[in-house]
Amino acid sequence: MSDRIFIRGIQVHAYHGVFEEENRLGQKFHFDVDYWVDAQPYAQTDDYSHAVSYADVHDAVIEVAKGPIIKLIETLAERIAALLLERFPSISQVRVEVHKPGAPIIGVFSDVGVEIIRRRAGT
């Protein structure tokens, strides 16, 4: 059995991107994260000690986003997913969306982003 927990709209000012100006000035990034766990055992007993804290997941996203400069948002999403799967053994699958609403594109648009889904090996 697997249940989905999610966090929407994590916002970080970070310095990722291909262009020097992005690395120097930075810009806003938004993150949406879903993670799958078997919540039934701890939900039935109301035992928080076995849950994956969404505060801890939030902190992991911020840790990667505030880390070293990354050129591609695909890499940013990949590193977040890898950290979540590494840090939280009870997570079986993770979905990470990275939004870059200020991407350096000439033209009118509201958002640019990537979505990745990663599963724990063997699941």
PDB file of N, CA and C in Angstrom:
ATOM      1  N   MET A   1       0.848  -1.180   0.000  1.00  0.00           N
ATOM      2  CA  MET A   1       0.000   0.000   0.000  1.00  0.00           C
ATOM      3  C   MET A   1       0.891   1.241   0.000  1.00  0.00           C
ATOM      4  N   SER A   2       0.464   2.264  -0.692  1.00  0.00           N
ATOM      5  CA  SER A   2       1.257   3.487  -0.763  1.00  0.00           C
ATOM      6  C   SER A   2       0.335   4.695  -0.742  1.00  0.00           C
ATOM      7  N   ASP A   3       0.733   5.691  -0.002  1.00  0.00           N
ATOM      8  CA  ASP A   3      -0.037   6.919   0.145  1.00  0.00           C
ATOM      9  C   ASP A   3       0.831   8.093  -0.293  1.00  0.00           C
ATOM     10  N   ARG A   4       0.178   9.123  -0.817  1.00  0.00           N
ATOM     11  CA  ARG A   4       0.906  10.287  -1.333  1.00  0.00           C
ATOM     12  C   ARG A   4       0.777  11.458  -0.378  1.00  0.00           C
ATOM     13  N   ILE A   5       1.906  12.033  -0.038  1.00  0.00           N
ATOM     14  CA  ILE A   5       1.973  13.261   0.747  1.00  0.00           C
ATOM     15  C   ILE A   5       2.593  14.304  -0.161  1.00  0.00           C
ATOM     16  N   PHE A   6       2.124  15.542  -0.064  1.00  0.00           N
ATOM     17  CA  PHE A   6       2.655  16.558  -0.977  1.00  0.00           C
ATOM     18  C   PHE A   6       2.896  17.890  -0.286  1.00  0.00           C
ATOM     19  N   ILE A   7       3.799  18.646  -0.895  1.00  0.00           N
ATOM     20  CA  ILE A   7       4.096  20.024  -0.500  1.00  0.00           C
ATOM     21  C   ILE A   7       4.073  20.850  -1.779  1.00  0.00           C
ATOM     22  N   ARG A   8       3.354  21.937  -1.768  1.00  0.00           N
ATOM     23  CA  ARG A   8       3.225  22.798  -2.944  1.00  0.00           C
ATOM     24  C   ARG A   8       3.785  24.197  -2.666  1.00  0.00           C
ATOM     25  N   GLY A   9       4.445  24.734  -3.686  1.00  0.00           N
ATOM     26  CA  GLY A   9       4.820  26.144  -3.676  1.00  0.00           C
ATOM     27  C   GLY A   9       5.983  26.527  -2.782  1.00  0.00           C
ATOM     28  N   ILE A  10       6.938  25.616  -2.580  1.00  0.00           N
ATOM     29  CA  ILE A  10       8.156  25.992  -1.856  1.00  0.00           C
ATOM     30  C   ILE A  10       8.884  27.024  -2.714  1.00  0.00           C
ATOM     31  N   GLN A  11       9.221  28.164  -2.136  1.00  0.00           N
ATOM     32  CA  GLN A  11       9.860  29.229  -2.903  1.00  0.00           C
ATOM     33  C   GLN A  11      11.257  29.513  -2.372  1.00  0.00           C
ATOM     34  N   VAL A  12      12.185  29.656  -3.300  1.00  0.00           N
ATOM     35  CA  VAL A  12      13.582  29.902  -2.961  1.00  0.00           C
ATOM     36  C   VAL A  12      14.164  30.882  -3.970  1.00  0.00           C
ATOM     37  N   HIS A  13      14.932  31.842  -3.493  1.00  0.00           N
ATOM     38  CA  HIS A  13      15.733  32.674  -4.388  1.00  0.00           C
ATOM     39  C   HIS A  13      17.084  31.982  -4.494  1.00  0.00           C
ATOM     40  N   ALA A  14      17.434  31.544  -5.703  1.00  0.00           N
ATOM     41  CA  ALA A  14      18.663  30.776  -5.893  1.00  0.00           C
ATOM     42  C   ALA A  14      19.355  31.233  -7.173  1.00  0.00           C
ATOM     43  N   TYR A  15      20.519  30.672  -7.434  1.00  0.00           N
ATOM     44  CA  TYR A  15      21.425  31.186  -8.463  1.00  0.00           C
ATOM     45  C   TYR A  15      21.715  30.168  -9.559  1.00  0.00           C
ATOM     46  N   HIS A  16      20.739  29.370  -9.910  1.00  0.00           N
ATOM     47  CA  HIS A  16      20.925  28.330 -10.915  1.00  0.00           C
ATOM     48  C   HIS A  16      20.587  28.854 -12.299  1.00  0.00           C
ATOM     49  N   GLY A  17      21.262  28.301 -13.287  1.00  0.00           N
ATOM     50  CA  GLY A  17      20.983  28.654 -14.669  1.00  0.00           C
ATOM     51  C   GLY A  17      22.224  28.581 -15.526  1.00  0.00           C
ATOM     52  N   VAL A  18      22.009  28.657 -16.818  1.00  0.00           N
ATOM     53  CA  VAL A  18      23.094  28.552 -17.790  1.00  0.00           C
ATOM     54  C   VAL A  18      23.849  29.871 -17.918  1.00  0.00           C
ATOM     55  N   PHE A  19      23.145  30.987 -17.758  1.00  0.00           N
ATOM     56  CA  PHE A  19      23.739  32.295 -18.028  1.00  0.00           C
ATOM     57  C   PHE A  19      24.377  32.918 -16.785  1.00  0.00           C
ATOM     58  N   GLU A  20      25.447  33.655 -17.011  1.00  0.00           N
ATOM     59  CA  GLU A  20      26.198  34.304 -15.938  1.00  0.00           C
ATOM     60  C   GLU A  20      25.295  35.203 -15.091  1.00  0.00           C
ATOM     61  N   GLU A  21      24.376  35.914 -15.732  1.00  0.00           N
ATOM     62  CA  GLU A  21      23.489  36.819 -14.996  1.00  0.00           C
ATOM     63  C   GLU A  21      22.617  36.044 -14.004  1.00  0.00           C
ATOM     64  N   GLU A  22      22.165  34.868 -14.396  1.00  0.00           N
ATOM     65  CA  GLU A  22      21.359  34.034 -13.496  1.00  0.00           C
ATOM     66  C   GLU A  22      22.181  33.604 -12.286  1.00  0.00           C
ATOM     67  N   ASN A  23      23.445  33.279 -12.516  1.00  0.00           N
ATOM     68  CA  ASN A  23      24.323  32.846 -11.440  1.00  0.00           C
ATOM     69  C   ASN A  23      24.720  33.996 -10.529  1.00  0.00           C
ATOM     70  N   ARG A  24      24.767  35.192 -11.065  1.00  0.00           N
ATOM     71  CA  ARG A  24      25.173  36.364 -10.293  1.00  0.00           C
ATOM     72  C   ARG A  24      23.999  36.992  -9.551  1.00  0.00           C
ATOM     73  N   LEU A  25      22.871  37.175 -10.249  1.00  0.00           N
ATOM     74  CA  LEU A  25      21.723  37.876  -9.676  1.00  0.00           C
ATOM     75  C   LEU A  25      20.730  36.936  -8.996  1.00  0.00           C
ATOM     76  N   GLY A  26      20.649  35.727  -9.490  1.00  0.00           N
ATOM     77  CA  GLY A  26      19.683  34.776  -8.964  1.00  0.00           C
ATOM     78  C   GLY A  26      18.275  35.081  -9.430  1.00  0.00           C
ATOM     79  N   GLN A  27      17.363  34.216  -9.046  1.00  0.00           N
ATOM     80  CA  GLN A  27      15.957  34.371  -9.405  1.00  0.00           C
ATOM     81  C   GLN A  27      15.125  33.453  -8.529  1.00  0.00           C
ATOM     82  N   LYS A  28      13.815  33.596  -8.618  1.00  0.00           N
ATOM     83  CA  LYS A  28      12.916  32.793  -7.813  1.00  0.00           C
ATOM     84  C   LYS A  28      12.663  31.446  -8.477  1.00  0.00           C
ATOM     85  N   PHE A  29      12.697  30.404  -7.675  1.00  0.00           N
ATOM     86  CA  PHE A  29      12.333  29.053  -8.077  1.00  0.00           C
ATOM     87  C   PHE A  29      11.202  28.593  -7.176  1.00  0.00           C
ATOM     88  N   HIS A  30      10.278  27.823  -7.745  1.00  0.00           N
ATOM     89  CA  HIS A  30       9.184  27.234  -6.983  1.00  0.00           C
ATOM     90  C   HIS A  30       9.292  25.717  -7.125  1.00  0.00           C
ATOM     91  N   PHE A  31       8.990  25.021  -6.043  1.00  0.00           N
ATOM     92  CA  PHE A  31       9.091  23.562  -6.038  1.00  0.00           C
ATOM     93  C   PHE A  31       7.783  22.954  -5.534  1.00  0.00           C
ATOM     94  N   ASP A  32       7.343  21.919  -6.199  1.00  0.00           N
ATOM     95  CA  ASP A  32       6.228  21.089  -5.749  1.00  0.00           C
ATOM     96  C   ASP A  32       6.780  19.673  -5.600  1.00  0.00           C
ATOM     97  N   VAL A  33       6.499  19.056  -4.468  1.00  0.00           N
ATOM     98  CA  VAL A  33       7.043  17.729  -4.188  1.00  0.00           C
ATOM     99  C   VAL A  33       5.916  16.816  -3.715  1.00  0.00           C
ATOM    100  N   ASP A  34       5.865  15.621  -4.278  1.00  0.00           N
ATOM    101  CA  ASP A  34       4.993  14.550  -3.815  1.00  0.00           C
ATOM    102  C   ASP A  34       5.901  13.400  -3.414  1.00  0.00           C
ATOM    103  N   TYR A  35       5.536  12.719  -2.327  1.00  0.00           N
ATOM    104  CA  TYR A  35       6.283  11.522  -1.971  1.00  0.00           C
ATOM    105  C   TYR A  35       5.320  10.462  -1.450  1.00  0.00           C
ATOM    106  N   TRP A  36       5.650   9.222  -1.806  1.00  0.00           N
ATOM    107  CA  TRP A  36       4.792   8.091  -1.506  1.00  0.00           C
ATOM    108  C   TRP A  36       5.393   7.267  -0.373  1.00  0.00           C
ATOM    109  N   VAL A  37       4.566   6.995   0.627  1.00  0.00           N
ATOM    110  CA  VAL A  37       4.944   6.174   1.774  1.00  0.00           C
ATOM    111  C   VAL A  37       3.747   5.292   2.135  1.00  0.00           C
ATOM    112  N   ASP A  38       3.985   4.302   2.943  1.00  0.00           N
ATOM    113  CA  ASP A  38       2.887   3.532   3.504  1.00  0.00           C
ATOM    114  C   ASP A  38       2.531   4.179   4.838  1.00  0.00           C
ATOM    115  N   ALA A  39       1.544   5.055   4.827  1.00  0.00           N
ATOM    116  CA  ALA A  39       1.169   5.819   6.018  1.00  0.00           C
ATOM    117  C   ALA A  39       0.201   5.070   6.934  1.00  0.00           C
ATOM    118  N   GLN A  40      -0.406   4.027   6.435  1.00  0.00           N
ATOM    119  CA  GLN A  40      -1.447   3.354   7.211  1.00  0.00           C
ATOM    120  C   GLN A  40      -1.005   2.935   8.614  1.00  0.00           C
ATOM    121  N   PRO A  41       0.136   2.261   8.780  1.00  0.00           N
ATOM    122  CA  PRO A  41       0.507   1.816  10.128  1.00  0.00           C
ATOM    123  C   PRO A  41       0.626   2.968  11.135  1.00  0.00           C
ATOM    124  N   TYR A  42       1.291   4.033  10.770  1.00  0.00           N
ATOM    125  CA  TYR A  42       1.439   5.122  11.737  1.00  0.00           C
ATOM    126  C   TYR A  42       0.200   6.017  11.799  1.00  0.00           C
ATOM    127  N   ALA A  43      -0.573   6.057  10.723  1.00  0.00           N
ATOM    128  CA  ALA A  43      -1.811   6.846  10.758  1.00  0.00           C
ATOM    129  C   ALA A  43      -2.845   6.187  11.669  1.00  0.00           C
ATOM    130  N   GLN A  44      -2.911   4.865  11.652  1.00  0.00           N
ATOM    131  CA  GLN A  44      -3.874   4.156  12.499  1.00  0.00           C
ATOM    132  C   GLN A  44      -3.576   4.321  13.983  1.00  0.00           C
ATOM    133  N   THR A  45      -2.294   4.458  14.308  1.00  0.00           N
ATOM    134  CA  THR A  45      -1.908   4.602  15.718  1.00  0.00           C
ATOM    135  C   THR A  45      -1.604   6.045  16.099  1.00  0.00           C
ATOM    136  N   ASP A  46      -1.678   6.950  15.118  1.00  0.00           N
ATOM    137  CA  ASP A  46      -1.363   8.370  15.333  1.00  0.00           C
ATOM    138  C   ASP A  46       0.042   8.541  15.905  1.00  0.00           C
ATOM    139  N   ASP A  47       0.977   7.748  15.370  1.00  0.00           N
ATOM    140  CA  ASP A  47       2.357   7.728  15.857  1.00  0.00           C
ATOM    141  C   ASP A  47       3.268   8.486  14.896  1.00  0.00           C
ATOM    142  N   TYR A  48       3.507   9.728  15.208  1.00  0.00           N
ATOM    143  CA  TYR A  48       4.315  10.621  14.379  1.00  0.00           C
ATOM    144  C   TYR A  48       5.743  10.108  14.177  1.00  0.00           C
ATOM    145  N   SER A  49       6.263   9.340  15.106  1.00  0.00           N
ATOM    146  CA  SER A  49       7.671   8.936  15.047  1.00  0.00           C
ATOM    147  C   SER A  49       8.008   8.102  13.814  1.00  0.00           C
ATOM    148  N   HIS A  50       7.009   7.529  13.156  1.00  0.00           N
ATOM    149  CA  HIS A  50       7.267   6.714  11.962  1.00  0.00           C
ATOM    150  C   HIS A  50       6.939   7.446  10.657  1.00  0.00           C
ATOM    151  N   ALA A  51       6.493   8.674  10.755  1.00  0.00           N
ATOM    152  CA  ALA A  51       6.134   9.466   9.571  1.00  0.00           C
ATOM    153  C   ALA A  51       7.371  10.129   8.973  1.00  0.00           C
ATOM    154  N   VAL A  52       7.285  10.437   7.689  1.00  0.00           N
ATOM    155  CA  VAL A  52       8.294  11.289   7.050  1.00  0.00           C
ATOM    156  C   VAL A  52       7.765  12.719   7.174  1.00  0.00           C
ATOM    157  N   SER A  53       8.433  13.510   7.954  1.00  0.00           N
ATOM    158  CA  SER A  53       7.996  14.874   8.240  1.00  0.00           C
ATOM    159  C   SER A  53       8.065  15.743   6.990  1.00  0.00           C
ATOM    160  N   TYR A  54       6.946  16.403   6.667  1.00  0.00           N
ATOM    161  CA  TYR A  54       7.015  17.308   5.522  1.00  0.00           C
ATOM    162  C   TYR A  54       7.911  18.492   5.806  1.00  0.00           C
ATOM    163  N   ALA A  55       8.143  18.819   7.076  1.00  0.00           N
ATOM    164  CA  ALA A  55       9.112  19.873   7.399  1.00  0.00           C
ATOM    165  C   ALA A  55      10.523  19.433   7.010  1.00  0.00           C
ATOM    166  N   ASP A  56      10.837  18.156   7.249  1.00  0.00           N
ATOM    167  CA  ASP A  56      12.154  17.637   6.871  1.00  0.00           C
ATOM    168  C   ASP A  56      12.305  17.565   5.347  1.00  0.00           C
ATOM    169  N   VAL A  57      11.238  17.206   4.655  1.00  0.00           N
ATOM    170  CA  VAL A  57      11.265  17.182   3.189  1.00  0.00           C
ATOM    171  C   VAL A  57      11.471  18.601   2.664  1.00  0.00           C
ATOM    172  N   HIS A  58      10.753  19.553   3.232  1.00  0.00           N
ATOM    173  CA  HIS A  58      10.908  20.965   2.861  1.00  0.00           C
ATOM    174  C   HIS A  58      12.358  21.396   3.031  1.00  0.00           C
ATOM    175  N   ASP A  59      12.950  21.072   4.179  1.00  0.00           N
ATOM    176  CA  ASP A  59      14.335  21.455   4.456  1.00  0.00           C
ATOM    177  C   ASP A  59      15.310  20.824   3.460  1.00  0.00           C
ATOM    178  N   ALA A  60      15.043  19.600   3.037  1.00  0.00           N
ATOM    179  CA  ALA A  60      15.906  18.941   2.051  1.00  0.00           C
ATOM    180  C   ALA A  60      15.840  19.655   0.702  1.00  0.00           C
ATOM    181  N   VAL A  61      14.645  20.077   0.305  1.00  0.00           N
ATOM    182  CA  VAL A  61      14.492  20.827  -0.947  1.00  0.00           C
ATOM    183  C   VAL A  61      15.289  22.127  -0.864  1.00  0.00           C
ATOM    184  N   ILE A  62      15.154  22.850   0.243  1.00  0.00           N
ATOM    185  CA  ILE A  62      15.885  24.110   0.428  1.00  0.00           C
ATOM    186  C   ILE A  62      17.391  23.867   0.419  1.00  0.00           C
ATOM    187  N   GLU A  63      17.825  22.791   1.049  1.00  0.00           N
ATOM    188  CA  GLU A  63      19.252  22.451   1.093  1.00  0.00           C
ATOM    189  C   GLU A  63      19.835  22.325  -0.312  1.00  0.00           C
ATOM    190  N   VAL A  64      19.161  21.611  -1.177  1.00  0.00           N
ATOM    191  CA  VAL A  64      19.649  21.439  -2.554  1.00  0.00           C
ATOM    192  C   VAL A  64      19.527  22.753  -3.318  1.00  0.00           C
ATOM    193  N   ALA A  65      18.390  23.434  -3.177  1.00  0.00           N
ATOM    194  CA  ALA A  65      18.161  24.677  -3.925  1.00  0.00           C
ATOM    195  C   ALA A  65      19.168  25.764  -3.550  1.00  0.00           C
ATOM    196  N   LYS A  66      19.574  25.804  -2.295  1.00  0.00           N
ATOM    197  CA  LYS A  66      20.536  26.811  -1.833  1.00  0.00           C
ATOM    198  C   LYS A  66      21.980  26.350  -2.007  1.00  0.00           C
ATOM    199  N   GLY A  67      22.163  25.147  -2.514  1.00  0.00           N
ATOM    200  CA  GLY A  67      23.495  24.573  -2.672  1.00  0.00           C
ATOM    201  C   GLY A  67      24.228  25.144  -3.873  1.00  0.00           C
ATOM    202  N   PRO A  68      25.264  24.437  -4.307  1.00  0.00           N
ATOM    203  CA  PRO A  68      26.081  24.907  -5.430  1.00  0.00           C
ATOM    204  C   PRO A  68      25.248  25.158  -6.686  1.00  0.00           C
ATOM    205  N   ILE A  69      25.728  26.060  -7.509  1.00  0.00           N
ATOM    206  CA  ILE A  69      25.044  26.440  -8.750  1.00  0.00           C
ATOM    207  C   ILE A  69      24.924  25.230  -9.676  1.00  0.00           C
ATOM    208  N   ILE A  70      23.732  25.087 -10.221  1.00  0.00           N
ATOM    209  CA  ILE A  70      23.409  24.028 -11.174  1.00  0.00           C
ATOM    210  C   ILE A  70      22.907  24.702 -12.447  1.00  0.00           C
ATOM    211  N   LYS A  71      23.331  24.251 -13.589  1.00  0.00           N
ATOM    212  CA  LYS A  71      22.919  24.872 -14.847  1.00  0.00           C
ATOM    213  C   LYS A  71      21.492  24.505 -15.243  1.00  0.00           C
ATOM    214  N   LEU A  72      21.128  23.240 -15.117  1.00  0.00           N
ATOM    215  CA  LEU A  72      19.849  22.763 -15.636  1.00  0.00           C
ATOM    216  C   LEU A  72      18.843  22.511 -14.521  1.00  0.00           C
ATOM    217  N   ILE A  73      17.581  22.919 -14.752  1.00  0.00           N
ATOM    218  CA  ILE A  73      16.555  22.625 -13.757  1.00  0.00           C
ATOM    219  C   ILE A  73      16.280  21.118 -13.692  1.00  0.00           C
ATOM    220  N   GLU A  74      16.579  20.403 -14.756  1.00  0.00           N
ATOM    221  CA  GLU A  74      16.448  18.948 -14.730  1.00  0.00           C
ATOM    222  C   GLU A  74      17.411  18.350 -13.700  1.00  0.00           C
ATOM    223  N   THR A  75      18.623  18.884 -13.643  1.00  0.00           N
ATOM    224  CA  THR A  75      19.614  18.430 -12.665  1.00  0.00           C
ATOM    225  C   THR A  75      19.183  18.803 -11.261  1.00  0.00           C
ATOM    226  N   LEU A  76      18.632  19.991 -11.099  1.00  0.00           N
ATOM    227  CA  LEU A  76      18.132  20.437  -9.801  1.00  0.00           C
ATOM    228  C   LEU A  76      17.053  19.476  -9.291  1.00  0.00           C
ATOM    229  N   ALA A  77      16.110  19.124 -10.143  1.00  0.00           N
ATOM    230  CA  ALA A  77      15.054  18.181  -9.770  1.00  0.00           C
ATOM    231  C   ALA A  77      15.642  16.812  -9.442  1.00  0.00           C
ATOM    232  N   GLU A  78      16.579  16.362 -10.241  1.00  0.00           N
ATOM    233  CA  GLU A  78      17.218  15.058 -10.040  1.00  0.00           C
ATOM    234  C   GLU A  78      17.914  14.991  -8.685  1.00  0.00           C
ATOM    235  N   ARG A  79      18.621  16.048  -8.324  1.00  0.00           N
ATOM    236  CA  ARG A  79      19.347  16.062  -7.040  1.00  0.00           C
ATOM    237  C   ARG A  79      18.392  16.092  -5.854  1.00  0.00           C
ATOM    238  N   ILE A  80      17.299  16.802  -5.988  1.00  0.00           N
ATOM    239  CA  ILE A  80      16.303  16.820  -4.916  1.00  0.00           C
ATOM    240  C   ILE A  80      15.708  15.425  -4.746  1.00  0.00           C
ATOM    241  N   ALA A  81      15.313  14.802  -5.843  1.00  0.00           N
ATOM    242  CA  ALA A  81      14.726  13.462  -5.775  1.00  0.00           C
ATOM    243  C   ALA A  81      15.712  12.468  -5.165  1.00  0.00           C
ATOM    244  N   ALA A  82      16.953  12.527  -5.586  1.00  0.00           N
ATOM    245  CA  ALA A  82      17.968  11.599  -5.070  1.00  0.00           C
ATOM    246  C   ALA A  82      18.179  11.791  -3.570  1.00  0.00           C
ATOM    247  N   LEU A  83      18.222  13.033  -3.117  1.00  0.00           N
ATOM    248  CA  LEU A  83      18.410  13.294  -1.689  1.00  0.00           C
ATOM    249  C   LEU A  83      17.225  12.777  -0.874  1.00  0.00           C
ATOM    250  N   LEU A  84      16.022  12.991  -1.364  1.00  0.00           N
ATOM    251  CA  LEU A  84      14.844  12.521  -0.637  1.00  0.00           C
ATOM    252  C   LEU A  84      14.830  11.002  -0.524  1.00  0.00           C
ATOM    253  N   LEU A  85      15.147  10.312  -1.612  1.00  0.00           N
ATOM    254  CA  LEU A  85      15.175   8.852  -1.572  1.00  0.00           C
ATOM    255  C   LEU A  85      16.307   8.332  -0.684  1.00  0.00           C
ATOM    256  N   GLU A  86      17.417   9.049  -0.661  1.00  0.00           N
ATOM    257  CA  GLU A  86      18.554   8.641   0.170  1.00  0.00           C
ATOM    258  C   GLU A  86      18.273   8.889   1.654  1.00  0.00           C
ATOM    259  N   ARG A  87      17.731  10.036   1.957  1.00  0.00           N
ATOM    260  CA  ARG A  87      17.557  10.463   3.348  1.00  0.00           C
ATOM    261  C   ARG A  87      16.376   9.790   4.047  1.00  0.00           C
ATOM    262  N   PHE A  88      15.357   9.426   3.295  1.00  0.00           N
ATOM    263  CA  PHE A  88      14.123   8.904   3.895  1.00  0.00           C
ATOM    264  C   PHE A  88      13.817   7.516   3.325  1.00  0.00           C
ATOM    265  N   PRO A  89      14.289   6.466   3.977  1.00  0.00           N
ATOM    266  CA  PRO A  89      14.133   5.106   3.450  1.00  0.00           C
ATOM    267  C   PRO A  89      12.690   4.654   3.255  1.00  0.00           C
ATOM    268  N   SER A  90      11.745   5.245   3.957  1.00  0.00           N
ATOM    269  CA  SER A  90      10.355   4.800   3.800  1.00  0.00           C
ATOM    270  C   SER A  90       9.666   5.414   2.584  1.00  0.00           C
ATOM    271  N   ILE A  91      10.314   6.363   1.919  1.00  0.00           N
ATOM    272  CA  ILE A  91       9.758   6.913   0.684  1.00  0.00           C
ATOM    273  C   ILE A  91      10.024   5.918  -0.443  1.00  0.00           C
ATOM    274  N   SER A  92       8.952   5.509  -1.120  1.00  0.00           N
ATOM    275  CA  SER A  92       9.115   4.552  -2.227  1.00  0.00           C
ATOM    276  C   SER A  92       9.209   5.242  -3.579  1.00  0.00           C
ATOM    277  N   GLN A  93       8.632   6.424  -3.668  1.00  0.00           N
ATOM    278  CA  GLN A  93       8.615   7.169  -4.932  1.00  0.00           C
ATOM    279  C   GLN A  93       8.523   8.653  -4.611  1.00  0.00           C
ATOM    280  N   VAL A  94       9.094   9.461  -5.490  1.00  0.00           N
ATOM    281  CA  VAL A  94       9.041  10.910  -5.316  1.00  0.00           C
ATOM    282  C   VAL A  94       8.786  11.570  -6.664  1.00  0.00           C
ATOM    283  N   ARG A  95       8.016  12.637  -6.631  1.00  0.00           N
ATOM    284  CA  ARG A  95       7.780  13.464  -7.813  1.00  0.00           C
ATOM    285  C   ARG A  95       8.232  14.868  -7.455  1.00  0.00           C
ATOM    286  N   VAL A  96       9.084  15.446  -8.296  1.00  0.00           N
ATOM    287  CA  VAL A  96       9.600  16.789  -8.053  1.00  0.00           C
ATOM    288  C   VAL A  96       9.301  17.656  -9.264  1.00  0.00           C
ATOM    289  N   GLU A  97       8.662  18.773  -9.029  1.00  0.00           N
ATOM    290  CA  GLU A  97       8.459  19.799 -10.061  1.00  0.00           C
ATOM    291  C   GLU A  97       9.307  20.996  -9.695  1.00  0.00           C
ATOM    292  N   VAL A  98      10.059  21.488 -10.660  1.00  0.00           N
ATOM    293  CA  VAL A  98      10.820  22.722 -10.498  1.00  0.00           C
ATOM    294  C   VAL A  98      10.227  23.733 -11.465  1.00  0.00           C
ATOM    295  N   HIS A  99       9.835  24.874 -10.927  1.00  0.00           N
ATOM    296  CA  HIS A  99       9.285  25.968 -11.732  1.00  0.00           C
ATOM    297  C   HIS A  99      10.285  27.119 -11.733  1.00  0.00           C
ATOM    298  N   LYS A 100      10.494  27.676 -12.909  1.00  0.00           N
ATOM    299  CA  LYS A 100      11.420  28.796 -13.077  1.00  0.00           C
ATOM    300  C   LYS A 100      10.670  29.900 -13.820  1.00  0.00           C
ATOM    301  N   PRO A 101       9.804  30.642 -13.098  1.00  0.00           N
ATOM    302  CA  PRO A 101       8.945  31.622 -13.757  1.00  0.00           C
ATOM    303  C   PRO A 101       9.689  32.804 -14.370  1.00  0.00           C
ATOM    304  N   GLY A 102      10.933  33.023 -13.951  1.00  0.00           N
ATOM    305  CA  GLY A 102      11.708  34.134 -14.499  1.00  0.00           C
ATOM    306  C   GLY A 102      12.756  33.691 -15.493  1.00  0.00           C
ATOM    307  N   ALA A 103      12.538  32.569 -16.144  1.00  0.00           N
ATOM    308  CA  ALA A 103      13.522  32.047 -17.099  1.00  0.00           C
ATOM    309  C   ALA A 103      13.826  33.092 -18.178  1.00  0.00           C
ATOM    310  N   PRO A 104      15.079  33.150 -18.614  1.00  0.00           N
ATOM    311  CA  PRO A 104      15.484  34.161 -19.594  1.00  0.00           C
ATOM    312  C   PRO A 104      15.007  33.817 -21.011  1.00  0.00           C
ATOM    313  N   ILE A 105      13.722  34.050 -21.245  1.00  0.00           N
ATOM    314  CA  ILE A 105      13.110  33.796 -22.543  1.00  0.00           C
ATOM    315  C   ILE A 105      12.533  35.103 -23.047  1.00  0.00           C
ATOM    316  N   ILE A 106      12.802  35.425 -24.293  1.00  0.00           N
ATOM    317  CA  ILE A 106      12.186  36.605 -24.890  1.00  0.00           C
ATOM    318  C   ILE A 106      10.784  36.205 -25.321  1.00  0.00           C
ATOM    319  N   GLY A 107       9.810  36.831 -24.717  1.00  0.00           N
ATOM    320  CA  GLY A 107       8.423  36.495 -25.021  1.00  0.00           C
ATOM    321  C   GLY A 107       7.597  36.465 -23.760  1.00  0.00           C
ATOM    322  N   VAL A 108       6.323  36.302 -23.943  1.00  0.00           N
ATOM    323  CA  VAL A 108       5.388  36.290 -22.829  1.00  0.00           C
ATOM    324  C   VAL A 108       5.086  34.843 -22.446  1.00  0.00           C
ATOM    325  N   PHE A 109       5.265  34.519 -21.181  1.00  0.00           N
ATOM    326  CA  PHE A 109       4.970  33.191 -20.656  1.00  0.00           C
ATOM    327  C   PHE A 109       4.771  33.323 -19.156  1.00  0.00           C
ATOM    328  N   SER A 110       4.114  32.360 -18.565  1.00  0.00           N
ATOM    329  CA  SER A 110       3.903  32.438 -17.123  1.00  0.00           C
ATOM    330  C   SER A 110       4.835  31.535 -16.331  1.00  0.00           C
ATOM    331  N   ASP A 111       5.358  30.485 -16.949  1.00  0.00           N
ATOM    332  CA  ASP A 111       6.163  29.547 -16.180  1.00  0.00           C
ATOM    333  C   ASP A 111       6.934  28.631 -17.117  1.00  0.00           C
ATOM    334  N   VAL A 112       8.079  28.191 -16.643  1.00  0.00           N
ATOM    335  CA  VAL A 112       8.871  27.149 -17.293  1.00  0.00           C
ATOM    336  C   VAL A 112       9.199  26.154 -16.201  1.00  0.00           C
ATOM    337  N   GLY A 113       9.172  24.885 -16.518  1.00  0.00           N
ATOM    338  CA  GLY A 113       9.466  23.925 -15.465  1.00  0.00           C
ATOM    339  C   GLY A 113       9.752  22.541 -15.971  1.00  0.00           C
ATOM    340  N   VAL A 114      10.031  21.680 -15.018  1.00  0.00           N
ATOM    341  CA  VAL A 114      10.288  20.274 -15.291  1.00  0.00           C
ATOM    342  C   VAL A 114       9.641  19.455 -14.181  1.00  0.00           C
ATOM    343  N   GLU A 115       9.191  18.276 -14.542  1.00  0.00           N
ATOM    344  CA  GLU A 115       8.653  17.331 -13.572  1.00  0.00           C
ATOM    345  C   GLU A 115       9.375  16.011 -13.765  1.00  0.00           C
ATOM    346  N   ILE A 116       9.874  15.440 -12.662  1.00  0.00           N
ATOM    347  CA  ILE A 116      10.486  14.120 -12.730  1.00  0.00           C
ATOM    348  C   ILE A 116       9.846  13.228 -11.679  1.00  0.00           C
ATOM    349  N   ILE A 117       9.836  11.951 -11.950  1.00  0.00           N
ATOM    350  CA  ILE A 117       9.363  10.954 -11.002  1.00  0.00           C
ATOM    351  C   ILE A 117      10.459   9.911 -10.882  1.00  0.00           C
ATOM    352  N   ARG A 118      10.853   9.648  -9.637  1.00  0.00           N
ATOM    353  CA  ARG A 118      11.897   8.642  -9.382  1.00  0.00           C
ATOM    354  C   ARG A 118      11.380   7.651  -8.352  1.00  0.00           C
ATOM    355  N   ARG A 119      11.719   6.390  -8.555  1.00  0.00           N
ATOM    356  CA  ARG A 119      11.311   5.320  -7.648  1.00  0.00           C
ATOM    357  C   ARG A 119      12.552   4.716  -6.995  1.00  0.00           C
ATOM    358  N   ARG A 120      12.361   4.271  -5.812  1.00  0.00           N
ATOM    359  CA  ARG A 120      13.428   3.565  -5.120  1.00  0.00           C
ATOM    360  C   ARG A 120      13.733   2.288  -5.901  1.00  0.00           C
ATOM    361  N   ALA A 121      14.984   1.957  -6.027  1.00  0.00           N
ATOM    362  CA  ALA A 121      15.378   0.738  -6.742  1.00  0.00           C
ATOM    363  C   ALA A 121      14.694  -0.463  -6.114  1.00  0.00           C
ATOM    364  N   GLY A 122      14.158  -1.328  -6.959  1.00  0.00           N
ATOM    365  CA  GLY A 122      13.512  -2.526  -6.478  1.00  0.00           C
ATOM    366  C   GLY A 122      12.034  -2.375  -6.157  1.00  0.00           C
ATOM    367  N   THR A 123      11.473  -1.183  -6.391  1.00  0.00           N
ATOM    368  CA  THR A 123      10.025  -1.002  -6.115  1.00  0.00           C
ATOM    369  C   THR A 123       9.262  -0.815  -7.398  1.00  0.00           C
TER     370      THR A 123
END
